[in-house]
């Protein structure tokens, strides 16, 4: 019999991560055991919150389920019993690594935005959404991984934005099927793209401009996020590099797809993502970005 009463709860989170096919699965494995368990519990928590919104049949049902989840979260963080193994593992992680609870509540608040907001008028609104569903995750993770300078907590926002904007671009076609659009109306207007162009067959010049504009915006965040590499602990730097490599590779695949992202989800081959992860591990984010610029020039030159 195990001396760790929470071992089964952390195993439950690990099983969820293993079944997910998430891009985070490989980088998380590179962490030492305790930090790996904590990061996996954080992932499982985020996944549970997402699933509450995505899998419920109507807004009212999802809202009630999210209310119950948020109440259970507060109880678990306060030390009260909960039947949810994910929240038990998460509460253990918060205690071990002094993760500020505000970041976890922000994640739930960000997921809740999906219930009442299917589109965005300005990029500032998109950024606020990303701050909750992505930056908050990064800030919680940085506390688990360890950091050398408080500056890491500022740059974590750039990293969260880089990763989440990449997710948004990768998932445009699937989000459109759910009636959601995370590209702001002001970006569509700047690109000369109408809403009806997003779902139209064939080539639409405005749609292509929109894809290029949003890819360039995401890439800017990647360049600023590279600073995080020198601000994290050794453990944190290893997992950050692996995640940076995976997501930068995803962004390159989105860039190559162009306006094709509006009609199909970009799905890079897993070996390519693994290779990108190991390249970033060995060379670091700045080298990854330099290589990406070189590849981009070669690709555009034919």
C-alpha atoms as a PDB file:
ATOM      1  CA  UNK A   1       0.000   0.000   0.000  1.00  0.00           C
ATOM      2  CA  UNK A   2       1.405   3.400  -0.983  1.00  0.00           C
ATOM      3  CA  UNK A   3       2.407   5.879   1.720  1.00  0.00           C
ATOM      4  CA  UNK A   4       1.253   8.726  -0.535  1.00  0.00           C
ATOM      5  CA  UNK A   5      -2.543   9.088  -0.221  1.00  0.00           C
ATOM      6  CA  UNK A   6      -2.604  11.379  -3.247  1.00  0.00           C
ATOM      7  CA  UNK A   7      -0.695   9.032  -5.583  1.00  0.00           C
ATOM      8  CA  UNK A   8      -3.893   7.712  -7.158  1.00  0.00           C
ATOM      9  CA  UNK A   9      -5.157  11.257  -7.755  1.00  0.00           C
ATOM     10  CA  UNK A  10      -1.953  12.241  -9.537  1.00  0.00           C
ATOM     11  CA  UNK A  11      -2.080   9.006 -11.555  1.00  0.00           C
ATOM     12  CA  UNK A  12      -5.613   9.928 -12.616  1.00  0.00           C
ATOM     13  CA  UNK A  13      -4.287  13.265 -13.947  1.00  0.00           C
ATOM     14  CA  UNK A  14      -1.393  11.508 -15.713  1.00  0.00           C
ATOM     15  CA  UNK A  15      -3.817   9.096 -17.398  1.00  0.00           C
ATOM     16  CA  UNK A  16      -5.890  12.041 -18.611  1.00  0.00           C
ATOM     17  CA  UNK A  17      -2.806  13.717 -20.073  1.00  0.00           C
ATOM     18  CA  UNK A  18      -1.695  10.473 -21.704  1.00  0.00           C
ATOM     19  CA  UNK A  19      -5.048   9.986 -23.427  1.00  0.00           C
ATOM     20  CA  UNK A  20      -5.330  13.599 -24.540  1.00  0.00           C
ATOM     21  CA  UNK A  21      -2.814  13.657 -27.376  1.00  0.00           C
ATOM     22  CA  UNK A  22      -1.838  17.109 -26.101  1.00  0.00           C
ATOM     23  CA  UNK A  23       1.241  18.886 -27.427  1.00  0.00           C
ATOM     24  CA  UNK A  24       2.224  19.410 -23.794  1.00  0.00           C
ATOM     25  CA  UNK A  25       2.565  15.691 -23.006  1.00  0.00           C
ATOM     26  CA  UNK A  26       6.162  15.260 -24.191  1.00  0.00           C
ATOM     27  CA  UNK A  27       7.596  18.454 -22.613  1.00  0.00           C
ATOM     28  CA  UNK A  28       5.957  17.695 -19.255  1.00  0.00           C
ATOM     29  CA  UNK A  29       7.694  14.310 -19.150  1.00  0.00           C
ATOM     30  CA  UNK A  30      11.053  16.114 -19.008  1.00  0.00           C
ATOM     31  CA  UNK A  31      10.373  17.523 -15.540  1.00  0.00           C
ATOM     32  CA  UNK A  32      11.481  15.911 -12.265  1.00  0.00           C
ATOM     33  CA  UNK A  33       8.783  13.741 -10.656  1.00  0.00           C
ATOM     34  CA  UNK A  34       7.290  16.260  -8.224  1.00  0.00           C
ATOM     35  CA  UNK A  35       7.158  19.086 -10.775  1.00  0.00           C
ATOM     36  CA  UNK A  36       5.874  16.697 -13.432  1.00  0.00           C
ATOM     37  CA  UNK A  37       3.022  15.656 -11.139  1.00  0.00           C
ATOM     38  CA  UNK A  38       2.205  19.259 -10.341  1.00  0.00           C
ATOM     39  CA  UNK A  39       2.232  20.381 -13.967  1.00  0.00           C
ATOM     40  CA  UNK A  40       0.114  17.397 -14.967  1.00  0.00           C
ATOM     41  CA  UNK A  41      -2.436  18.250 -12.274  1.00  0.00           C
ATOM     42  CA  UNK A  42      -2.563  21.815 -13.629  1.00  0.00           C
ATOM     43  CA  UNK A  43      -3.108  20.479 -17.161  1.00  0.00           C
ATOM     44  CA  UNK A  44      -5.890  18.154 -15.966  1.00  0.00           C
ATOM     45  CA  UNK A  45      -7.588  21.046 -14.174  1.00  0.00           C
ATOM     46  CA  UNK A  46      -7.517  23.190 -17.333  1.00  0.00           C
ATOM     47  CA  UNK A  47      -8.780  20.303 -19.426  1.00  0.00           C
ATOM     48  CA  UNK A  48     -11.656  19.661 -17.026  1.00  0.00           C
ATOM     49  CA  UNK A  49     -12.702  23.327 -17.147  1.00  0.00           C
ATOM     50  CA  UNK A  50     -12.571  23.328 -20.964  1.00  0.00           C
ATOM     51  CA  UNK A  51     -14.597  20.134 -21.206  1.00  0.00           C
ATOM     52  CA  UNK A  52     -17.355  21.519 -18.994  1.00  0.00           C
ATOM     53  CA  UNK A  53     -17.989  24.236 -21.570  1.00  0.00           C
ATOM     54  CA  UNK A  54     -17.338  22.209 -24.722  1.00  0.00           C
ATOM     55  CA  UNK A  55     -19.321  19.101 -23.801  1.00  0.00           C
ATOM     56  CA  UNK A  56     -22.474  20.588 -22.264  1.00  0.00           C
ATOM     57  CA  UNK A  57     -25.465  20.782 -24.563  1.00  0.00           C
ATOM     58  CA  UNK A  58     -26.611  24.300 -23.626  1.00  0.00           C
ATOM     59  CA  UNK A  59     -25.320  27.447 -21.972  1.00  0.00           C
ATOM     60  CA  UNK A  60     -27.454  27.147 -18.835  1.00  0.00           C
ATOM     61  CA  UNK A  61     -26.289  23.591 -18.134  1.00  0.00           C
ATOM     62  CA  UNK A  62     -22.663  24.545 -18.727  1.00  0.00           C
ATOM     63  CA  UNK A  63     -22.965  27.618 -16.513  1.00  0.00           C
ATOM     64  CA  UNK A  64     -24.381  25.593 -13.627  1.00  0.00           C
ATOM     65  CA  UNK A  65     -21.691  22.936 -14.047  1.00  0.00           C
ATOM     66  CA  UNK A  66     -18.972  25.596 -14.110  1.00  0.00           C
ATOM     67  CA  UNK A  67     -20.440  27.228 -10.987  1.00  0.00           C
ATOM     68  CA  UNK A  68     -20.292  23.875  -9.191  1.00  0.00           C
ATOM     69  CA  UNK A  69     -16.725  23.298 -10.394  1.00  0.00           C
ATOM     70  CA  UNK A  70     -15.620  26.752  -9.189  1.00  0.00           C
ATOM     71  CA  UNK A  71     -17.249  26.148  -5.797  1.00  0.00           C
ATOM     72  CA  UNK A  72     -15.547  22.747  -5.534  1.00  0.00           C
ATOM     73  CA  UNK A  73     -12.219  24.386  -6.463  1.00  0.00           C
ATOM     74  CA  UNK A  74     -12.566  26.957  -3.676  1.00  0.00           C
ATOM     75  CA  UNK A  75     -13.413  24.193  -1.217  1.00  0.00           C
ATOM     76  CA  UNK A  76     -10.440  22.057  -2.234  1.00  0.00           C
ATOM     77  CA  UNK A  77      -8.068  25.018  -1.955  1.00  0.00           C
ATOM     78  CA  UNK A  78      -9.465  25.744   1.504  1.00  0.00           C
ATOM     79  CA  UNK A  79      -8.760  22.175   2.568  1.00  0.00           C
ATOM     80  CA  UNK A  80     -12.315  20.874   2.456  1.00  0.00           C
ATOM     81  CA  UNK A  81     -12.970  17.317   1.142  1.00  0.00           C
ATOM     82  CA  UNK A  82     -13.794  16.884  -2.542  1.00  0.00           C
ATOM     83  CA  UNK A  83     -14.750  13.826  -4.566  1.00  0.00           C
ATOM     84  CA  UNK A  84     -12.834  15.133  -7.588  1.00  0.00           C
ATOM     85  CA  UNK A  85      -9.349  13.531  -7.882  1.00  0.00           C
ATOM     86  CA  UNK A  86      -8.184  16.318 -10.194  1.00  0.00           C
ATOM     87  CA  UNK A  87      -8.990  18.999  -7.628  1.00  0.00           C
ATOM     88  CA  UNK A  88      -7.363  16.966  -4.865  1.00  0.00           C
ATOM     89  CA  UNK A  89      -4.183  16.695  -6.948  1.00  0.00           C
ATOM     90  CA  UNK A  90      -4.368  20.389  -7.826  1.00  0.00           C
ATOM     91  CA  UNK A  91      -4.800  21.436  -4.178  1.00  0.00           C
ATOM     92  CA  UNK A  92      -1.751  19.317  -3.322  1.00  0.00           C
ATOM     93  CA  UNK A  93       0.180  21.115  -6.070  1.00  0.00           C
ATOM     94  CA  UNK A  94      -0.873  24.544  -4.798  1.00  0.00           C
ATOM     95  CA  UNK A  95       0.353  23.666  -1.308  1.00  0.00           C
ATOM     96  CA  UNK A  96       3.660  22.206  -2.484  1.00  0.00           C
ATOM     97  CA  UNK A  97       4.619  24.994  -4.872  1.00  0.00           C
ATOM     98  CA  UNK A  98       2.814  28.041  -3.417  1.00  0.00           C
ATOM     99  CA  UNK A  99       0.825  28.568  -6.625  1.00  0.00           C
ATOM    100  CA  UNK A 100      -1.329  31.709  -6.191  1.00  0.00           C
ATOM    101  CA  UNK A 101      -4.969  30.647  -6.257  1.00  0.00           C
ATOM    102  CA  UNK A 102      -5.893  33.778  -8.218  1.00  0.00           C
ATOM    103  CA  UNK A 103      -4.404  32.218 -11.364  1.00  0.00           C
ATOM    104  CA  UNK A 104      -6.651  29.165 -11.070  1.00  0.00           C
ATOM    105  CA  UNK A 105      -9.741  31.309 -10.598  1.00  0.00           C
ATOM    106  CA  UNK A 106      -8.727  33.369 -13.625  1.00  0.00           C
ATOM    107  CA  UNK A 107      -8.604  30.191 -15.712  1.00  0.00           C
ATOM    108  CA  UNK A 108     -12.195  29.366 -14.745  1.00  0.00           C
ATOM    109  CA  UNK A 109     -13.215  32.966 -15.497  1.00  0.00           C
ATOM    110  CA  UNK A 110     -11.628  32.715 -18.930  1.00  0.00           C
ATOM    111  CA  UNK A 111     -13.416  29.476 -19.749  1.00  0.00           C
ATOM    112  CA  UNK A 112     -16.660  31.101 -18.610  1.00  0.00           C
ATOM    113  CA  UNK A 113     -16.172  33.770 -21.282  1.00  0.00           C
ATOM    114  CA  UNK A 114     -16.783  31.072 -23.899  1.00  0.00           C
ATOM    115  CA  UNK A 115     -20.348  30.720 -22.612  1.00  0.00           C
ATOM    116  CA  UNK A 116     -21.370  34.273 -23.358  1.00  0.00           C
ATOM    117  CA  UNK A 117     -18.911  35.610 -25.925  1.00  0.00           C
ATOM    118  CA  UNK A 118     -18.695  33.966 -29.337  1.00  0.00           C
ATOM    119  CA  UNK A 119     -16.784  36.795 -31.037  1.00  0.00           C
ATOM    120  CA  UNK A 120     -14.537  39.760 -30.242  1.00  0.00           C
ATOM    121  CA  UNK A 121     -14.566  43.332 -31.488  1.00  0.00           C
ATOM    122  CA  UNK A 122     -10.968  44.316 -30.771  1.00  0.00           C
ATOM    123  CA  UNK A 123      -7.653  42.626 -30.156  1.00  0.00           C
ATOM    124  CA  UNK A 124      -7.652  44.109 -26.660  1.00  0.00           C
ATOM    125  CA  UNK A 125     -10.678  41.908 -25.924  1.00  0.00           C
ATOM    126  CA  UNK A 126      -8.906  38.860 -27.337  1.00  0.00           C
ATOM    127  CA  UNK A 127      -5.857  39.659 -25.222  1.00  0.00           C
ATOM    128  CA  UNK A 128      -7.975  39.811 -22.070  1.00  0.00           C
ATOM    129  CA  UNK A 129      -9.440  36.417 -22.917  1.00  0.00           C
ATOM    130  CA  UNK A 130      -5.949  35.006 -23.528  1.00  0.00           C
ATOM    131  CA  UNK A 131      -4.698  36.541 -20.288  1.00  0.00           C
ATOM    132  CA  UNK A 132      -7.197  34.392 -18.426  1.00  0.00           C
ATOM    133  CA  UNK A 133      -7.079  31.107 -20.323  1.00  0.00           C
ATOM    134  CA  UNK A 134      -3.360  31.127 -21.223  1.00  0.00           C
ATOM    135  CA  UNK A 135      -1.283  33.659 -19.272  1.00  0.00           C
ATOM    136  CA  UNK A 136      -2.878  32.500 -16.008  1.00  0.00           C
ATOM    137  CA  UNK A 137      -1.885  28.932 -16.865  1.00  0.00           C
ATOM    138  CA  UNK A 138       1.672  30.047 -17.590  1.00  0.00           C
ATOM    139  CA  UNK A 139       1.917  31.970 -14.330  1.00  0.00           C
ATOM    140  CA  UNK A 140       0.722  28.946 -12.360  1.00  0.00           C
ATOM    141  CA  UNK A 141       3.177  26.712 -14.237  1.00  0.00           C
ATOM    142  CA  UNK A 142       6.117  29.063 -13.635  1.00  0.00           C
ATOM    143  CA  UNK A 143       5.535  28.756  -9.891  1.00  0.00           C
ATOM    144  CA  UNK A 144       5.709  24.976 -10.215  1.00  0.00           C
ATOM    145  CA  UNK A 145       8.807  24.972 -12.425  1.00  0.00           C
ATOM    146  CA  UNK A 146      10.741  27.639 -10.523  1.00  0.00           C
ATOM    147  CA  UNK A 147      12.184  30.948 -11.731  1.00  0.00           C
ATOM    148  CA  UNK A 148      15.301  33.050 -11.191  1.00  0.00           C
ATOM    149  CA  UNK A 149      13.801  36.523 -11.492  1.00  0.00           C
ATOM    150  CA  UNK A 150      10.376  38.127 -10.917  1.00  0.00           C
ATOM    151  CA  UNK A 151      10.705  39.336 -14.503  1.00  0.00           C
ATOM    152  CA  UNK A 152       9.648  35.790 -15.463  1.00  0.00           C
ATOM    153  CA  UNK A 153       6.137  36.581 -14.242  1.00  0.00           C
ATOM    154  CA  UNK A 154       5.933  39.480 -16.704  1.00  0.00           C
ATOM    155  CA  UNK A 155       7.341  37.592 -19.682  1.00  0.00           C
ATOM    156  CA  UNK A 156       5.006  34.665 -18.964  1.00  0.00           C
ATOM    157  CA  UNK A 157       2.274  36.819 -20.503  1.00  0.00           C
ATOM    158  CA  UNK A 158       4.167  37.003 -23.809  1.00  0.00           C
ATOM    159  CA  UNK A 159       4.581  33.231 -23.757  1.00  0.00           C
ATOM    160  CA  UNK A 160       0.933  32.612 -22.939  1.00  0.00           C
ATOM    161  CA  UNK A 161      -0.119  34.913 -25.777  1.00  0.00           C
ATOM    162  CA  UNK A 162       2.245  33.233 -28.254  1.00  0.00           C
ATOM    163  CA  UNK A 163       0.920  29.766 -27.457  1.00  0.00           C
ATOM    164  CA  UNK A 164      -2.760  30.737 -27.275  1.00  0.00           C
ATOM    165  CA  UNK A 165      -2.735  32.747 -30.511  1.00  0.00           C
ATOM    166  CA  UNK A 166      -1.166  29.713 -32.174  1.00  0.00           C
ATOM    167  CA  UNK A 167      -3.963  27.551 -30.784  1.00  0.00           C
ATOM    168  CA  UNK A 168      -6.549  30.021 -32.070  1.00  0.00           C
ATOM    169  CA  UNK A 169      -5.090  29.967 -35.578  1.00  0.00           C
ATOM    170  CA  UNK A 170      -4.747  26.181 -35.601  1.00  0.00           C
ATOM    171  CA  UNK A 171      -8.346  25.685 -34.455  1.00  0.00           C
ATOM    172  CA  UNK A 172     -10.180  28.314 -36.530  1.00  0.00           C
ATOM    173  CA  UNK A 173     -12.172  25.823 -38.602  1.00  0.00           C
ATOM    174  CA  UNK A 174     -13.293  23.787 -35.567  1.00  0.00           C
ATOM    175  CA  UNK A 175     -14.197  26.913 -33.606  1.00  0.00           C
ATOM    176  CA  UNK A 176     -16.268  28.162 -36.537  1.00  0.00           C
ATOM    177  CA  UNK A 177     -18.254  24.916 -36.414  1.00  0.00           C
ATOM    178  CA  UNK A 178     -19.030  25.684 -32.750  1.00  0.00           C
ATOM    179  CA  UNK A 179     -20.135  29.194 -33.700  1.00  0.00           C
ATOM    180  CA  UNK A 180     -17.049  30.854 -32.207  1.00  0.00           C
ATOM    181  CA  UNK A 181     -14.454  33.189 -33.700  1.00  0.00           C
ATOM    182  CA  UNK A 182     -11.430  34.369 -31.738  1.00  0.00           C
ATOM    183  CA  UNK A 183     -10.097  36.679 -34.443  1.00  0.00           C
ATOM    184  CA  UNK A 184     -11.288  40.226 -33.667  1.00  0.00           C
ATOM    185  CA  UNK A 185     -13.550  42.227 -35.951  1.00  0.00           C
ATOM    186  CA  UNK A 186     -10.967  45.006 -36.200  1.00  0.00           C
ATOM    187  CA  UNK A 187      -8.475  42.527 -37.700  1.00  0.00           C
ATOM    188  CA  UNK A 188     -11.032  41.393 -40.272  1.00  0.00           C
ATOM    189  CA  UNK A 189     -11.670  45.017 -41.231  1.00  0.00           C
ATOM    190  CA  UNK A 190      -7.937  45.779 -41.507  1.00  0.00           C
ATOM    191  CA  UNK A 191      -7.479  42.779 -43.808  1.00  0.00           C
ATOM    192  CA  UNK A 192     -10.498  43.670 -45.957  1.00  0.00           C
ATOM    193  CA  UNK A 193     -12.092  40.376 -44.985  1.00  0.00           C
ATOM    194  CA  UNK A 194     -15.833  40.003 -44.482  1.00  0.00           C
ATOM    195  CA  UNK A 195     -17.405  37.507 -42.115  1.00  0.00           C
ATOM    196  CA  UNK A 196     -18.937  35.605 -45.028  1.00  0.00           C
ATOM    197  CA  UNK A 197     -15.461  35.215 -46.562  1.00  0.00           C
ATOM    198  CA  UNK A 198     -14.346  33.051 -43.635  1.00  0.00           C
ATOM    199  CA  UNK A 199     -16.574  30.135 -44.631  1.00  0.00           C
ATOM    200  CA  UNK A 200     -16.583  30.629 -48.395  1.00  0.00           C
ATOM    201  CA  UNK A 201     -15.199  28.059 -50.805  1.00  0.00           C
ATOM    202  CA  UNK A 202     -12.185  28.892 -52.924  1.00  0.00           C
ATOM    203  CA  UNK A 203      -9.609  31.623 -52.448  1.00  0.00           C
ATOM    204  CA  UNK A 204     -10.457  34.933 -50.805  1.00  0.00           C
ATOM    205  CA  UNK A 205      -7.713  37.622 -50.874  1.00  0.00           C
ATOM    206  CA  UNK A 206      -8.907  39.199 -47.630  1.00  0.00           C
ATOM    207  CA  UNK A 207      -8.857  35.844 -45.894  1.00  0.00           C
ATOM    208  CA  UNK A 208      -5.260  35.287 -46.916  1.00  0.00           C
ATOM    209  CA  UNK A 209      -4.267  38.739 -45.661  1.00  0.00           C
ATOM    210  CA  UNK A 210      -6.025  38.044 -42.374  1.00  0.00           C
ATOM    211  CA  UNK A 211      -4.131  34.784 -41.879  1.00  0.00           C
ATOM    212  CA  UNK A 212      -0.780  36.491 -42.584  1.00  0.00           C
ATOM    213  CA  UNK A 213      -1.555  39.391 -40.242  1.00  0.00           C
ATOM    214  CA  UNK A 214      -2.530  37.143 -37.346  1.00  0.00           C
ATOM    215  CA  UNK A 215       0.447  34.839 -37.884  1.00  0.00           C
ATOM    216  CA  UNK A 216       2.750  37.860 -37.785  1.00  0.00           C
ATOM    217  CA  UNK A 217       1.129  39.021 -34.561  1.00  0.00           C
ATOM    218  CA  UNK A 218       1.642  35.595 -32.960  1.00  0.00           C
ATOM    219  CA  UNK A 219       5.245  35.472 -34.140  1.00  0.00           C
ATOM    220  CA  UNK A 220       5.926  38.800 -32.464  1.00  0.00           C
ATOM    221  CA  UNK A 221       4.862  37.280 -29.158  1.00  0.00           C
ATOM    222  CA  UNK A 222       7.192  34.320 -29.746  1.00  0.00           C
ATOM    223  CA  UNK A 223      10.138  36.682 -30.171  1.00  0.00           C
ATOM    224  CA  UNK A 224       9.315  38.459 -26.916  1.00  0.00           C
ATOM    225  CA  UNK A 225       8.645  35.176 -25.104  1.00  0.00           C
ATOM    226  CA  UNK A 226      12.158  33.901 -25.884  1.00  0.00           C
ATOM    227  CA  UNK A 227      13.461  36.010 -22.992  1.00  0.00           C
ATOM    228  CA  UNK A 228      11.781  33.610 -20.562  1.00  0.00           C
ATOM    229  CA  UNK A 229      14.534  31.073 -21.252  1.00  0.00           C
ATOM    230  CA  UNK A 230      17.062  32.912 -19.073  1.00  0.00           C
ATOM    231  CA  UNK A 231      14.574  33.781 -16.328  1.00  0.00           C
ATOM    232  CA  UNK A 232      13.526  30.256 -15.324  1.00  0.00           C
ATOM    233  CA  UNK A 233      15.162  27.641 -13.129  1.00  0.00           C
ATOM    234  CA  UNK A 234      17.001  24.815 -14.892  1.00  0.00           C
ATOM    235  CA  UNK A 235      13.925  22.579 -14.659  1.00  0.00           C
ATOM    236  CA  UNK A 236      11.717  25.363 -15.928  1.00  0.00           C
ATOM    237  CA  UNK A 237      14.049  26.171 -18.802  1.00  0.00           C
ATOM    238  CA  UNK A 238      14.020  22.570 -20.017  1.00  0.00           C
ATOM    239  CA  UNK A 239      10.237  22.262 -20.158  1.00  0.00           C
ATOM    240  CA  UNK A 240       9.834  25.795 -21.552  1.00  0.00           C
ATOM    241  CA  UNK A 241      12.272  25.077 -24.360  1.00  0.00           C
ATOM    242  CA  UNK A 242      10.458  21.888 -25.305  1.00  0.00           C
ATOM    243  CA  UNK A 243       7.073  23.645 -25.312  1.00  0.00           C
ATOM    244  CA  UNK A 244       8.503  26.601 -27.234  1.00  0.00           C
ATOM    245  CA  UNK A 245       9.825  24.249 -29.909  1.00  0.00           C
ATOM    246  CA  UNK A 246       6.492  22.450 -30.258  1.00  0.00           C
ATOM    247  CA  UNK A 247       4.436  25.625 -30.502  1.00  0.00           C
ATOM    248  CA  UNK A 248       6.831  27.443 -32.801  1.00  0.00           C
ATOM    249  CA  UNK A 249       6.630  24.424 -35.089  1.00  0.00           C
ATOM    250  CA  UNK A 250       2.827  24.588 -34.948  1.00  0.00           C
ATOM    251  CA  UNK A 251       2.931  28.255 -35.901  1.00  0.00           C
ATOM    252  CA  UNK A 252       5.181  27.498 -38.878  1.00  0.00           C
ATOM    253  CA  UNK A 253       2.681  24.868 -40.034  1.00  0.00           C
ATOM    254  CA  UNK A 254      -0.114  27.434 -39.731  1.00  0.00           C
ATOM    255  CA  UNK A 255       1.926  29.969 -41.700  1.00  0.00           C
ATOM    256  CA  UNK A 256       2.491  27.440 -44.485  1.00  0.00           C
ATOM    257  CA  UNK A 257      -1.238  26.588 -44.558  1.00  0.00           C
ATOM    258  CA  UNK A 258      -2.142  30.238 -45.203  1.00  0.00           C
ATOM    259  CA  UNK A 259      -5.857  30.717 -45.684  1.00  0.00           C
ATOM    260  CA  UNK A 260      -6.245  26.943 -45.540  1.00  0.00           C
ATOM    261  CA  UNK A 261      -6.562  27.313 -41.753  1.00  0.00           C
ATOM    262  CA  UNK A 262     -10.110  28.544 -42.334  1.00  0.00           C
ATOM    263  CA  UNK A 263     -11.228  25.260 -43.882  1.00  0.00           C
ATOM    264  CA  UNK A 264      -9.256  22.599 -41.984  1.00  0.00           C
ATOM    265  CA  UNK A 265      -7.439  22.194 -38.690  1.00  0.00           C
ATOM    266  CA  UNK A 266      -3.668  22.232 -39.055  1.00  0.00           C
ATOM    267  CA  UNK A 267      -2.287  18.860 -37.901  1.00  0.00           C
ATOM    268  CA  UNK A 268       1.517  18.627 -38.116  1.00  0.00           C
ATOM    269  CA  UNK A 269       2.975  15.129 -38.003  1.00  0.00           C
ATOM    270  CA  UNK A 270       3.952  14.041 -34.496  1.00  0.00           C
ATOM    271  CA  UNK A 271       7.578  13.218 -35.497  1.00  0.00           C
ATOM    272  CA  UNK A 272       7.949  16.807 -36.699  1.00  0.00           C
ATOM    273  CA  UNK A 273       6.762  18.144 -33.323  1.00  0.00           C
ATOM    274  CA  UNK A 274       9.071  15.794 -31.432  1.00  0.00           C
ATOM    275  CA  UNK A 275      12.016  16.890 -33.577  1.00  0.00           C
ATOM    276  CA  UNK A 276      11.132  20.553 -32.990  1.00  0.00           C
ATOM    277  CA  UNK A 277      10.981  19.924 -29.259  1.00  0.00           C
ATOM    278  CA  UNK A 278      14.445  18.346 -29.155  1.00  0.00           C
ATOM    279  CA  UNK A 279      15.910  21.044 -31.393  1.00  0.00           C
ATOM    280  CA  UNK A 280      14.696  23.711 -28.983  1.00  0.00           C
ATOM    281  CA  UNK A 281      16.033  21.716 -26.032  1.00  0.00           C
ATOM    282  CA  UNK A 282      19.507  21.670 -27.488  1.00  0.00           C
ATOM    283  CA  UNK A 283      19.703  25.038 -29.213  1.00  0.00           C
ATOM    284  CA  UNK A 284      17.355  27.297 -27.261  1.00  0.00           C
ATOM    285  CA  UNK A 285      14.498  29.537 -28.427  1.00  0.00           C
ATOM    286  CA  UNK A 286      16.627  32.202 -30.091  1.00  0.00           C
ATOM    287  CA  UNK A 287      18.250  29.603 -32.338  1.00  0.00           C
ATOM    288  CA  UNK A 288      14.826  28.142 -33.131  1.00  0.00           C
ATOM    289  CA  UNK A 289      13.584  31.557 -34.217  1.00  0.00           C
ATOM    290  CA  UNK A 290      16.698  32.205 -36.308  1.00  0.00           C
ATOM    291  CA  UNK A 291      16.288  28.849 -38.060  1.00  0.00           C
ATOM    292  CA  UNK A 292      12.613  29.584 -38.637  1.00  0.00           C
ATOM    293  CA  UNK A 293      13.489  32.878 -40.338  1.00  0.00           C
ATOM    294  CA  UNK A 294      15.923  31.043 -42.603  1.00  0.00           C
ATOM    295  CA  UNK A 295      13.348  28.386 -43.474  1.00  0.00           C
ATOM    296  CA  UNK A 296      10.761  31.052 -44.167  1.00  0.00           C
ATOM    297  CA  UNK A 297      13.046  32.842 -46.635  1.00  0.00           C
ATOM    298  CA  UNK A 298      13.826  29.588 -48.413  1.00  0.00           C
ATOM    299  CA  UNK A 299      10.141  28.632 -48.556  1.00  0.00           C
ATOM    300  CA  UNK A 300       9.100  32.007 -49.994  1.00  0.00           C
ATOM    301  CA  UNK A 301      11.970  31.924 -52.486  1.00  0.00           C
ATOM    302  CA  UNK A 302      10.572  28.661 -53.810  1.00  0.00           C
END
